[in-house]
C-alpha atoms as a PDB file:
ATOM      1  CA  UNK A   1      41.791 179.123 146.886  1.00  0.00           C
ATOM      2  CA  UNK A   2      42.195 179.843 143.162  1.00  0.00           C
ATOM      3  CA  UNK A   3      42.887 183.454 142.201  1.00  0.00           C
ATOM      4  CA  UNK A   4      40.698 184.625 139.315  1.00  0.00           C
ATOM      5  CA  UNK A   5      42.134 187.229 136.926  1.00  0.00           C
ATOM      6  CA  UNK A   6      39.628 188.897 134.599  1.00  0.00           C
ATOM      7  CA  UNK A   7      41.300 189.876 131.334  1.00  0.00           C
ATOM      8  CA  UNK A   8      39.992 192.636 129.044  1.00  0.00           C
ATOM      9  CA  UNK A   9      36.991 191.792 126.883  1.00  0.00           C
ATOM     10  CA  UNK A  10      37.831 191.372 123.200  1.00  0.00           C
ATOM     11  CA  UNK A  11      35.073 193.103 121.288  1.00  0.00           C
ATOM     12  CA  UNK A  12      34.845 195.908 118.793  1.00  0.00           C
ATOM     13  CA  UNK A  13      33.108 196.762 115.525  1.00  0.00           C
ATOM     14  CA  UNK A  14      35.744 194.916 113.476  1.00  0.00           C
ATOM     15  CA  UNK A  15      35.275 191.671 115.460  1.00  0.00           C
ATOM     16  CA  UNK A  16      31.501 191.969 115.187  1.00  0.00           C
ATOM     17  CA  UNK A  17      31.719 192.474 111.409  1.00  0.00           C
ATOM     18  CA  UNK A  18      34.056 189.469 111.098  1.00  0.00           C
ATOM     19  CA  UNK A  19      31.525 187.287 112.965  1.00  0.00           C
ATOM     20  CA  UNK A  20      28.737 188.462 110.675  1.00  0.00           C
ATOM     21  CA  UNK A  21      30.809 187.634 107.582  1.00  0.00           C
ATOM     22  CA  UNK A  22      31.709 184.204 108.960  1.00  0.00           C
ATOM     23  CA  UNK A  23      28.070 183.376 109.633  1.00  0.00           C
ATOM     24  CA  UNK A  24      26.854 184.677 106.266  1.00  0.00           C
ATOM     25  CA  UNK A  25      26.902 181.335 104.435  1.00  0.00           C
ATOM     26  CA  UNK A  26      24.444 179.942 101.899  1.00  0.00           C
ATOM     27  CA  UNK A  27      21.712 177.714 103.300  1.00  0.00           C
ATOM     28  CA  UNK A  28      22.968 174.752 101.244  1.00  0.00           C
ATOM     29  CA  UNK A  29      26.426 175.076 102.827  1.00  0.00           C
ATOM     30  CA  UNK A  30      24.921 175.094 106.318  1.00  0.00           C
ATOM     31  CA  UNK A  31      23.046 171.881 105.444  1.00  0.00           C
ATOM     32  CA  UNK A  32      26.331 170.343 104.248  1.00  0.00           C
ATOM     33  CA  UNK A  33      28.014 171.260 107.540  1.00  0.00           C
ATOM     34  CA  UNK A  34      25.128 169.747 109.510  1.00  0.00           C
ATOM     35  CA  UNK A  35      25.266 166.535 107.456  1.00  0.00           C
ATOM     36  CA  UNK A  36      29.028 166.277 107.949  1.00  0.00           C
ATOM     37  CA  UNK A  37      28.554 166.763 111.704  1.00  0.00           C
ATOM     38  CA  UNK A  38      25.998 163.947 111.836  1.00  0.00           C
ATOM     39  CA  UNK A  39      28.369 161.659 109.924  1.00  0.00           C
ATOM     40  CA  UNK A  40      31.207 162.466 112.358  1.00  0.00           C
ATOM     41  CA  UNK A  41      28.975 161.742 115.341  1.00  0.00           C
ATOM     42  CA  UNK A  42      27.790 158.487 113.782  1.00  0.00           C
ATOM     43  CA  UNK A  43      31.246 157.234 112.890  1.00  0.00           C
ATOM     44  CA  UNK A  44      33.075 158.583 115.944  1.00  0.00           C
ATOM     45  CA  UNK A  45      35.907 159.936 113.820  1.00  0.00           C
ATOM     46  CA  UNK A  46      36.827 162.508 111.193  1.00  0.00           C
ATOM     47  CA  UNK A  47      39.734 163.302 108.901  1.00  0.00           C
ATOM     48  CA  UNK A  48      41.788 166.342 109.851  1.00  0.00           C
ATOM     49  CA  UNK A  49      42.956 168.672 107.101  1.00  0.00           C
ATOM     50  CA  UNK A  50      46.325 166.895 107.299  1.00  0.00           C
ATOM     51  CA  UNK A  51      44.583 163.618 106.406  1.00  0.00           C
ATOM     52  CA  UNK A  52      45.146 162.153 109.869  1.00  0.00           C
ATOM     53  CA  UNK A  53      42.147 160.307 111.334  1.00  0.00           C
ATOM     54  CA  UNK A  54      40.922 161.821 114.607  1.00  0.00           C
ATOM     55  CA  UNK A  55      38.933 159.457 116.813  1.00  0.00           C
ATOM     56  CA  UNK A  56      36.360 161.161 119.049  1.00  0.00           C
ATOM     57  CA  UNK A  57      34.038 158.313 120.081  1.00  0.00           C
ATOM     58  CA  UNK A  58      35.712 157.669 123.453  1.00  0.00           C
ATOM     59  CA  UNK A  59      35.917 161.377 124.311  1.00  0.00           C
ATOM     60  CA  UNK A  60      32.236 161.904 123.450  1.00  0.00           C
ATOM     61  CA  UNK A  61      31.209 158.828 125.438  1.00  0.00           C
ATOM     62  CA  UNK A  62      33.271 159.991 128.448  1.00  0.00           C
ATOM     63  CA  UNK A  63      31.760 163.473 128.276  1.00  0.00           C
ATOM     64  CA  UNK A  64      28.237 162.044 128.168  1.00  0.00           C
ATOM     65  CA  UNK A  65      28.998 159.770 131.106  1.00  0.00           C
ATOM     66  CA  UNK A  66      30.445 162.648 133.150  1.00  0.00           C
ATOM     67  CA  UNK A  67      27.463 164.950 132.462  1.00  0.00           C
ATOM     68  CA  UNK A  68      25.688 166.107 135.597  1.00  0.00           C
ATOM     69  CA  UNK A  69      22.252 167.708 135.452  1.00  0.00           C
ATOM     70  CA  UNK A  70      21.455 169.997 138.367  1.00  0.00           C
ATOM     71  CA  UNK A  71      17.960 171.294 139.034  1.00  0.00           C
ATOM     72  CA  UNK A  72      17.715 175.104 139.196  1.00  0.00           C
ATOM     73  CA  UNK A  73      16.845 175.054 142.901  1.00  0.00           C
ATOM     74  CA  UNK A  74      19.386 172.380 143.898  1.00  0.00           C
ATOM     75  CA  UNK A  75      22.575 173.122 145.776  1.00  0.00           C
ATOM     76  CA  UNK A  76      25.768 172.846 143.764  1.00  0.00           C
ATOM     77  CA  UNK A  77      27.913 169.834 144.608  1.00  0.00           C
ATOM     78  CA  UNK A  78      31.036 170.391 146.678  1.00  0.00           C
ATOM     79  CA  UNK A  79      34.101 170.885 144.519  1.00  0.00           C
ATOM     80  CA  UNK A  80      37.432 169.176 145.071  1.00  0.00           C
ATOM     81  CA  UNK A  81      40.503 171.173 145.979  1.00  0.00           C
ATOM     82  CA  UNK A  82      41.528 173.521 143.189  1.00  0.00           C
ATOM     83  CA  UNK A  83      44.054 172.058 140.765  1.00  0.00           C
ATOM     84  CA  UNK A  84      45.489 175.420 139.811  1.00  0.00           C
ATOM     85  CA  UNK A  85      46.540 178.396 141.876  1.00  0.00           C
ATOM     86  CA  UNK A  86      45.200 180.906 139.358  1.00  0.00           C
ATOM     87  CA  UNK A  87      42.691 181.141 136.536  1.00  0.00           C
ATOM     88  CA  UNK A  88      42.456 183.707 133.746  1.00  0.00           C
ATOM     89  CA  UNK A  89      39.063 184.516 132.200  1.00  0.00           C
ATOM     90  CA  UNK A  90      38.592 186.413 128.959  1.00  0.00           C
ATOM     91  CA  UNK A  91      35.441 186.991 126.940  1.00  0.00           C
ATOM     92  CA  UNK A  92      35.763 187.437 123.177  1.00  0.00           C
ATOM     93  CA  UNK A  93      33.199 188.236 120.525  1.00  0.00           C
ATOM     94  CA  UNK A  94      33.756 185.289 118.186  1.00  0.00           C
ATOM     95  CA  UNK A  95      31.834 182.380 116.737  1.00  0.00           C
ATOM     96  CA  UNK A  96      32.365 178.835 117.954  1.00  0.00           C
ATOM     97  CA  UNK A  97      33.879 178.030 114.551  1.00  0.00           C
ATOM     98  CA  UNK A  98      36.545 180.706 114.818  1.00  0.00           C
ATOM     99  CA  UNK A  99      37.183 179.895 118.482  1.00  0.00           C
ATOM    100  CA  UNK A 100      37.894 176.277 117.616  1.00  0.00           C
END
């Protein structure tokens, strides 16, 4: 059985303010980000800041193939033997952009 270690939650007024500042972007910029995201999805690749091409098409296709929808009242499928002897869980107040 995997041991689960709950780490301290990372949240305070400074983190909350940082998230608010990060999300306070002009509407036009948010449209640009959305358009760029659609282009990445369509092409299956993007250019990293280093200029290196990152190919995501196979990873996205594999994730879609592996997706499993479970009805709210259905039993969860049996899980295979744990791959790790311990797991650490920590919750942090951050946006998905800063987490990435």
